[in-house]
Protein backbone atom coordinates (compact mmCIF):
# COMPACT_ATOMS: atom_id res chain seq x y z
CA MET A 1 -24.28 16.97 20.82
CA LYS A 2 -26.38 15.86 17.87
CA ARG A 3 -24.37 14.13 15.17
CA ASP A 4 -25.46 14.62 11.58
CA LEU A 5 -25.57 11.61 9.30
CA PRO A 6 -22.72 11.45 6.73
CA PRO A 7 -23.55 12.85 3.27
CA THR A 8 -23.21 9.38 1.71
CA PHE A 9 -26.19 8.18 3.75
CA ALA A 10 -28.01 11.49 4.11
CA SER A 11 -31.33 10.25 2.68
CA ASP A 12 -33.63 7.52 3.95
CA ASP A 13 -33.49 5.85 0.53
CA ALA A 14 -29.68 5.64 0.69
CA ARG A 15 -29.78 4.30 4.24
CA TRP A 16 -32.42 1.71 3.40
CA ALA A 17 -30.41 0.60 0.34
CA ALA A 18 -27.40 0.06 2.62
CA VAL A 19 -29.51 -2.00 5.05
CA ALA A 20 -31.07 -4.05 2.24
CA SER A 21 -27.63 -4.87 0.79
CA ARG A 22 -26.07 -5.30 4.27
CA ASP A 23 -23.36 -2.84 3.25
CA PRO A 24 -20.44 -3.13 5.73
CA SER A 25 -19.11 0.30 4.70
CA ALA A 26 -22.20 1.83 6.36
CA ASP A 27 -21.38 0.32 9.75
CA GLY A 28 -20.71 3.08 12.26
CA GLN A 29 -22.24 5.66 9.91
CA PHE A 30 -25.78 5.09 11.20
CA PHE A 31 -27.96 2.48 12.91
CA TYR A 32 -31.50 1.28 12.26
CA GLY A 33 -34.22 0.35 14.71
CA VAL A 34 -37.06 -2.11 14.11
CA ALA A 35 -40.35 -1.10 15.73
CA THR A 36 -41.80 -4.63 15.88
CA THR A 37 -38.85 -6.10 17.81
CA GLY A 38 -37.59 -3.05 19.72
CA VAL A 39 -34.05 -3.87 18.56
CA TYR A 40 -31.53 -1.68 16.75
CA CYS A 41 -28.79 -3.02 14.45
CA ARG A 42 -25.84 -2.14 12.28
CA PRO A 43 -26.58 -1.81 8.53
CA SER A 44 -24.61 -5.00 7.82
CA CYS A 45 -26.49 -7.13 10.36
CA GLY A 46 -27.26 -10.60 9.02
CA ALA A 47 -30.64 -10.78 10.75
CA ARG A 48 -33.78 -11.23 8.69
CA LEU A 49 -34.55 -8.06 6.71
CA PRO A 50 -37.46 -6.16 8.35
CA LEU A 51 -40.28 -4.45 6.52
CA ARG A 52 -39.32 -0.97 5.42
CA GLY A 53 -42.28 0.57 7.23
CA ASN A 54 -41.04 -0.75 10.58
CA VAL A 55 -37.57 0.77 10.26
CA SER A 56 -36.25 4.03 11.70
CA PHE A 57 -32.71 5.43 11.31
CA HIS A 58 -30.44 6.84 14.01
CA ALA A 59 -27.10 8.64 13.81
CA THR A 60 -25.61 6.96 16.90
CA SER A 61 -26.21 3.95 19.11
CA GLU A 62 -26.96 6.37 21.94
CA ALA A 63 -29.68 8.01 19.85
CA ALA A 64 -31.25 4.62 19.11
CA GLU A 65 -31.24 3.67 22.80
CA ALA A 66 -32.71 7.06 23.72
CA GLU A 67 -35.67 6.11 21.51
CA GLY A 68 -36.16 2.92 23.53
CA PHE A 69 -34.38 0.42 21.26
CA ARG A 70 -32.06 -2.23 22.71
CA PRO A 71 -28.88 -3.50 20.95
CA CYS A 72 -29.11 -6.53 18.70
CA ARG A 73 -27.34 -9.55 20.16
CA ARG A 74 -26.31 -10.74 16.73
CA CYS A 75 -24.40 -7.72 15.41
CA GLY A 76 -23.59 -6.01 18.72
CA PRO A 77 -24.14 -2.41 17.53
CA ASP A 78 -23.08 -0.99 20.90
CA GLY A 79 -19.57 -2.44 20.56
CA PRO A 80 -16.71 -2.29 18.00
CA THR A 81 -17.60 -2.87 14.35
CA ARG A 82 -16.59 -6.07 12.66
CA ALA A 83 -13.91 -4.18 10.74
CA GLN A 84 -12.56 -2.72 13.98
CA ARG A 85 -12.45 -6.14 15.63
CA GLN A 86 -10.66 -7.62 12.64
CA ALA A 87 -8.19 -4.72 12.58
CA GLU A 88 -7.42 -5.32 16.26
CA LEU A 89 -6.82 -9.04 15.63
CA VAL A 90 -4.53 -8.35 12.68
CA THR A 91 -2.63 -5.65 14.58
CA ALA A 92 -2.02 -8.11 17.41
CA ALA A 93 -0.84 -10.74 14.91
CA CYS A 94 1.54 -8.22 13.29
CA ARG A 95 3.02 -7.37 16.70
CA ALA A 96 3.45 -11.10 17.39
CA ILE A 97 5.29 -11.54 14.09
CA GLU A 98 7.51 -8.54 14.73
CA SER A 99 8.46 -9.57 18.27
CA ALA A 100 9.14 -13.26 17.56
CA GLU A 101 12.65 -14.62 17.03
CA THR A 102 11.30 -16.76 14.19
CA PRO A 103 7.98 -16.04 12.43
CA PRO A 104 5.00 -17.87 14.05
CA ASP A 105 3.24 -20.30 11.74
CA LEU A 106 -0.30 -19.72 10.49
CA GLU A 107 -1.86 -22.14 12.97
CA THR A 108 -0.26 -20.36 15.95
CA LEU A 109 -1.39 -16.92 14.78
CA ALA A 110 -4.92 -18.16 14.03
CA ALA A 111 -5.23 -19.83 17.44
CA ALA A 112 -4.21 -16.61 19.20
CA ALA A 113 -6.91 -14.75 17.20
CA GLY A 114 -9.53 -17.39 18.01
CA LEU A 115 -10.15 -18.14 14.33
CA SER A 116 -9.61 -21.09 12.03
CA PRO A 117 -6.39 -20.90 9.97
CA HIS A 118 -8.36 -20.46 6.73
CA HIS A 119 -10.56 -17.68 8.13
CA PHE A 120 -7.64 -15.93 9.82
CA HIS A 121 -5.60 -16.05 6.60
CA ARG A 122 -8.49 -14.44 4.69
CA VAL A 123 -9.05 -11.75 7.36
CA PHE A 124 -5.34 -10.92 7.63
CA LYS A 125 -4.95 -10.50 3.88
CA ALA A 126 -8.10 -8.34 3.64
CA VAL A 127 -6.91 -5.99 6.39
CA ALA A 128 -3.13 -5.92 5.86
CA GLY A 129 -3.11 -6.30 2.10
CA VAL A 130 -0.68 -9.23 2.22
CA THR A 131 -0.70 -12.74 3.67
CA PRO A 132 0.79 -13.42 7.13
CA LYS A 133 3.73 -15.16 5.43
CA ALA A 134 4.40 -12.19 3.13
CA TYR A 135 4.15 -9.77 6.07
CA ALA A 136 6.65 -11.85 8.05
CA LYS A 137 8.99 -12.00 5.06
CA ALA A 138 8.80 -8.22 4.54
CA HIS A 139 9.42 -7.56 8.25
CA ARG A 140 12.35 -9.93 8.25
CA ALA A 141 13.76 -8.17 5.18
CA GLY A 142 13.57 -4.88 7.05
CA ARG A 143 15.42 -6.42 9.99
CA VAL A 144 18.10 -7.67 7.62
CA ARG A 145 18.57 -4.24 6.07
CA ASP A 146 18.92 -2.66 9.52
CA GLY A 147 21.07 -5.50 10.81
CA LEU A 148 23.51 -5.43 7.92
CA VAL A 149 24.40 -1.86 8.81
CA ARG A 150 24.93 -2.61 12.54
CA ALA A 151 26.10 -6.22 12.67
CA GLY A 152 29.72 -7.34 12.57
CA THR A 153 29.11 -9.97 9.90
CA VAL A 154 26.50 -10.90 7.33
CA THR A 155 25.95 -14.22 9.12
CA GLU A 156 25.18 -12.43 12.38
CA ALA A 157 22.69 -10.13 10.66
CA LEU A 158 20.79 -12.90 8.89
CA TYR A 159 20.38 -15.06 12.00
CA ASP A 160 19.38 -12.02 14.08
CA ALA A 161 16.67 -11.36 11.49
CA GLY A 162 15.22 -14.84 12.00
CA TYR A 163 16.52 -16.73 8.96
CA ALA A 164 16.90 -20.39 9.84
CA SER A 165 19.65 -20.92 7.29
CA SER A 166 22.04 -18.86 5.22
CA ALA A 167 20.86 -20.64 2.06
CA ARG A 168 17.30 -19.33 2.51
CA PHE A 169 18.61 -15.80 3.08
CA TYR A 170 20.81 -15.79 -0.01
CA ASP A 171 17.86 -17.04 -2.07
CA ASP A 172 15.97 -13.90 -1.03
CA ALA A 173 18.87 -11.44 -0.92
CA SER A 174 18.80 -10.09 -4.46
CA GLY A 175 15.13 -9.15 -4.39
CA VAL A 176 15.35 -7.77 -0.85
CA LEU A 177 18.56 -5.77 -1.19
CA GLY A 178 19.16 -5.36 -4.93
CA MET A 179 22.84 -6.32 -4.47
CA ALA A 180 25.10 -8.71 -2.59
CA PRO A 181 24.50 -8.65 1.20
CA ARG A 182 28.10 -7.75 1.98
CA ALA A 183 27.97 -4.83 -0.45
CA TYR A 184 24.73 -3.61 1.11
CA ARG A 185 26.21 -3.84 4.62
CA GLN A 186 29.09 -1.68 3.47
CA GLY A 187 26.79 1.01 2.11
CA GLY A 188 26.91 -0.32 -1.43
CA ALA A 189 30.67 -0.95 -1.42
CA ASP A 190 31.81 -2.85 -4.53
CA ALA A 191 28.44 -2.16 -6.18
CA VAL A 192 28.46 -0.13 -9.38
CA ILE A 193 25.51 2.16 -10.01
CA ARG A 194 25.49 3.99 -13.30
CA PHE A 195 23.64 7.29 -13.42
CA ALA A 196 23.09 10.33 -15.55
CA VAL A 197 21.29 13.63 -15.16
CA ALA A 198 19.40 15.14 -18.05
CA GLN A 199 17.12 18.10 -18.56
CA CYS A 200 13.51 17.79 -19.63
CA SER A 201 10.51 20.08 -19.71
CA LEU A 202 9.69 19.14 -16.10
CA GLY A 203 13.15 20.10 -14.82
CA ALA A 204 16.11 17.93 -13.88
CA LEU A 205 15.82 14.19 -14.47
CA LEU A 206 18.07 11.59 -12.83
CA VAL A 207 18.21 8.00 -14.04
CA ALA A 208 20.25 5.37 -12.17
CA ALA A 209 20.69 1.64 -12.73
CA THR A 210 22.29 -1.40 -11.15
CA ASP A 211 23.29 -4.40 -13.21
CA LYS A 212 19.69 -5.63 -12.81
CA GLY A 213 18.04 -2.57 -14.32
CA VAL A 214 16.89 0.98 -13.65
CA CYS A 215 16.59 1.52 -9.89
CA ALA A 216 15.80 5.24 -9.77
CA ILE A 217 14.04 7.80 -11.93
CA ALA A 218 13.73 11.11 -10.13
CA LEU A 219 12.52 14.57 -11.08
CA GLY A 220 13.41 17.88 -9.47
CA ASP A 221 14.22 21.55 -9.89
CA ASP A 222 17.96 21.06 -9.38
CA PRO A 223 20.12 18.02 -10.23
CA ASP A 224 22.30 18.30 -7.09
CA PRO A 225 19.63 17.15 -4.58
CA LEU A 226 18.74 14.25 -6.87
CA VAL A 227 22.35 13.05 -6.95
CA LYS A 228 22.69 13.53 -3.18
CA GLU A 229 19.61 11.39 -2.56
CA LEU A 230 21.17 8.61 -4.63
CA GLN A 231 24.45 8.96 -2.73
CA ASP A 232 22.61 8.81 0.59
CA ARG A 233 20.96 5.53 -0.38
CA PHE A 234 24.29 3.94 -1.28
CA PRO A 235 27.05 6.02 0.35
CA ARG A 236 29.86 3.59 -0.53
CA ALA A 237 28.70 2.44 -3.96
CA GLU A 238 30.68 3.42 -6.99
CA LEU A 239 28.55 5.92 -8.84
CA ARG A 240 29.66 5.85 -12.42
CA GLY A 241 28.61 7.96 -15.39
CA GLY A 242 26.77 6.09 -18.09
CA ASP A 243 28.23 4.93 -21.36
CA ALA A 244 26.63 5.37 -24.77
CA ALA A 245 24.19 2.49 -24.18
CA PHE A 246 23.15 3.97 -20.86
CA GLU A 247 22.71 7.41 -22.38
CA ALA A 248 20.41 5.85 -24.94
CA MET A 249 18.30 4.40 -22.12
CA VAL A 250 18.16 7.83 -20.46
CA ALA A 251 16.87 9.21 -23.76
CA VAL A 252 14.07 6.64 -23.68
CA VAL A 253 13.11 7.83 -20.18
CA VAL A 254 13.17 11.47 -21.28
CA GLY A 255 10.93 10.53 -24.19
CA ALA A 256 8.46 8.90 -21.77
CA VAL A 257 8.28 12.15 -19.82
CA GLU A 258 7.81 14.33 -22.89
CA ARG A 259 5.51 11.98 -24.81
CA PRO A 260 3.83 9.58 -22.36
CA GLY A 261 2.74 6.31 -23.88
CA PRO A 262 2.67 2.58 -23.12
CA ALA A 263 4.79 0.96 -20.40
CA LEU A 264 8.42 2.10 -20.40
CA ASP A 265 10.44 -0.50 -22.28
CA VAL A 266 13.59 -0.67 -20.13
CA PRO A 267 14.72 -3.28 -17.56
CA LEU A 268 13.78 -2.29 -14.02
CA ASP A 269 15.31 -3.09 -10.63
CA ILE A 270 12.19 -2.75 -8.48
CA ARG A 271 12.66 -3.38 -4.77
CA GLY A 272 9.99 -3.29 -2.10
CA THR A 273 7.80 -5.33 0.19
CA ALA A 274 5.41 -7.92 -1.20
CA PHE A 275 2.52 -5.48 -0.82
CA GLN A 276 4.39 -2.62 -2.50
CA GLN A 277 5.29 -4.90 -5.41
CA ARG A 278 1.61 -5.75 -5.90
CA VAL A 279 0.62 -2.08 -5.86
CA TRP A 280 3.38 -1.05 -8.25
CA GLN A 281 2.44 -3.82 -10.68
CA ALA A 282 -1.18 -2.63 -10.59
CA LEU A 283 -0.02 0.91 -11.37
CA ARG A 284 1.90 -0.32 -14.41
CA GLU A 285 -1.33 -1.83 -15.71
CA ILE A 286 -3.19 1.53 -15.73
CA PRO A 287 -3.26 2.68 -19.39
CA PRO A 288 -1.91 6.12 -20.35
CA GLY A 289 -4.63 8.75 -20.30
CA ARG A 290 -6.54 6.93 -17.55
CA THR A 291 -6.55 7.41 -13.79
CA CYS A 292 -7.57 5.25 -10.82
CA SER A 293 -8.39 6.21 -7.28
CA TYR A 294 -6.47 4.75 -4.36
CA THR A 295 -9.65 2.81 -3.50
CA GLU A 296 -9.82 1.32 -7.00
CA VAL A 297 -6.17 0.24 -6.84
CA ALA A 298 -6.82 -1.41 -3.46
CA GLU A 299 -9.75 -3.29 -4.98
CA ARG A 300 -7.69 -4.33 -8.03
CA ILE A 301 -5.07 -6.02 -5.85
CA GLY A 302 -7.73 -7.76 -3.79
CA SER A 303 -7.28 -5.64 -0.64
CA PRO A 304 -10.22 -3.20 -0.59
CA THR A 305 -9.56 -2.11 3.01
CA SER A 306 -5.90 -1.21 2.38
CA VAL A 307 -6.42 2.24 0.83
CA ARG A 308 -3.93 3.96 3.13
CA ALA A 309 -1.33 1.28 2.51
CA VAL A 310 -1.81 1.78 -1.24
CA ALA A 311 -1.20 5.51 -0.81
CA ALA A 312 1.95 4.77 1.19
CA ALA A 313 3.20 2.41 -1.53
CA CYS A 314 2.65 5.12 -4.14
CA ALA A 315 4.65 7.56 -2.00
CA ALA A 316 7.49 5.02 -1.67
CA ASN A 317 7.85 4.59 -5.44
CA THR A 318 11.30 5.69 -6.67
CA LEU A 319 10.67 5.09 -10.38
CA ALA A 320 8.80 8.08 -11.80
CA VAL A 321 6.99 7.37 -15.09
CA ALA A 322 8.14 3.72 -15.16
CA VAL A 323 5.83 2.97 -12.22
CA PRO A 324 3.16 5.59 -13.01
CA CYS A 325 1.94 6.58 -9.56
CA HIS A 326 0.94 9.91 -11.14
CA ARG A 327 -2.12 8.09 -12.52
CA VAL A 328 -3.55 7.56 -9.03
CA VAL A 329 -5.88 10.29 -7.77
CA ARG A 330 -8.34 10.87 -4.95
CA SER A 331 -11.84 9.41 -5.17
CA ASP A 332 -13.19 12.84 -6.11
CA GLY A 333 -10.66 13.11 -8.96
CA GLY A 334 -8.48 15.61 -7.13
CA LEU A 335 -4.69 15.41 -7.26
CA SER A 336 -3.10 14.39 -3.97
CA GLY A 337 0.59 14.39 -3.07
CA TYR A 338 3.26 13.30 -5.54
CA ARG A 339 6.85 12.53 -4.62
CA TRP A 340 8.13 14.89 -7.32
CA GLY A 341 5.54 17.65 -6.94
CA VAL A 342 1.83 17.93 -7.69
CA GLU A 343 2.44 20.30 -10.62
CA ARG A 344 4.56 17.65 -12.35
CA LYS A 345 1.79 15.14 -11.73
CA ARG A 346 -0.70 17.52 -13.29
CA ALA A 347 1.57 18.04 -16.30
CA LEU A 348 2.07 14.32 -16.89
CA LEU A 349 -1.66 13.65 -16.73
CA ALA A 350 -2.38 16.54 -19.10
CA ARG A 351 0.12 15.17 -21.64
CA GLU A 352 -1.37 11.70 -21.42
CA GLY A 353 -4.84 13.14 -21.85
CA GLU A 354 -3.76 14.96 -24.99
CA GLY A 355 -2.28 11.79 -26.43
CA SER A 356 -5.17 9.45 -25.59
């Protein structure tokens, strides 16, 4: 079956521009053959740039070979792309981290990938969005959260998760769990979470806070599901109604919904992986009245290949308005999914546009 060239590279001028700039995003989209050498290459091939008049374009490697061209030995166009090879190496490294009792060091992971430590570190961060160390830390945090629910003691859970010492674990515990480990293991027992439900023009609004700051801002049609979600996160925490000071903070949040403006000026208890934290911080830097695509956010945090991971981090955000994931849109400007409903996303953006 004949495969049409993608719209992005539908013209010869666009394809030649990709070859001239050695654009890696064009790899796999088309191939080019060089009449004087009889070789065909990927657009990103580092070989000497041929004369434009000697170049022909082909939708697939099979099409190029059918025209009598042989694959370039330098870029290997008949095999996986560089991005695919790197993704396979990083996936293998992630599995090694996840299956190890204690996280492998950088040198061990790099040796298994057949790369130098410096090069492997750069490749891993570009593909995964975080460094190998941060990935291992985030995975270990997940093991702790799971282990604290199942294990008989906190000590058992932390050593099962790969912490070499209890001191190192307790240094990380607050940021990982948002509360004391024993309280987390007991479903939030002994933890006090203040909350209140208010009404705004977008429906019901729940605001909840630990002693560190606001940990949840949720929107919905009915307050009951919002409260139940909070209870499900911390089934044994003491959920307590807010006092006058807390009610004043809720009013600030309501104001941010009704009249969007600069960053919400309340203390926040933001919990997530290292990568999620980077994404959420980038979202907080998007000015009101502006939007960014998922691709642009990935580029801003230095991980241009992590677009899907950026989208997942946006979906995991539990702090509506405070972490403005509503300002992230598709590359074509369209509105994609929003944890609290696309219509609310549309309304927030419209209000910000009116005020900008």
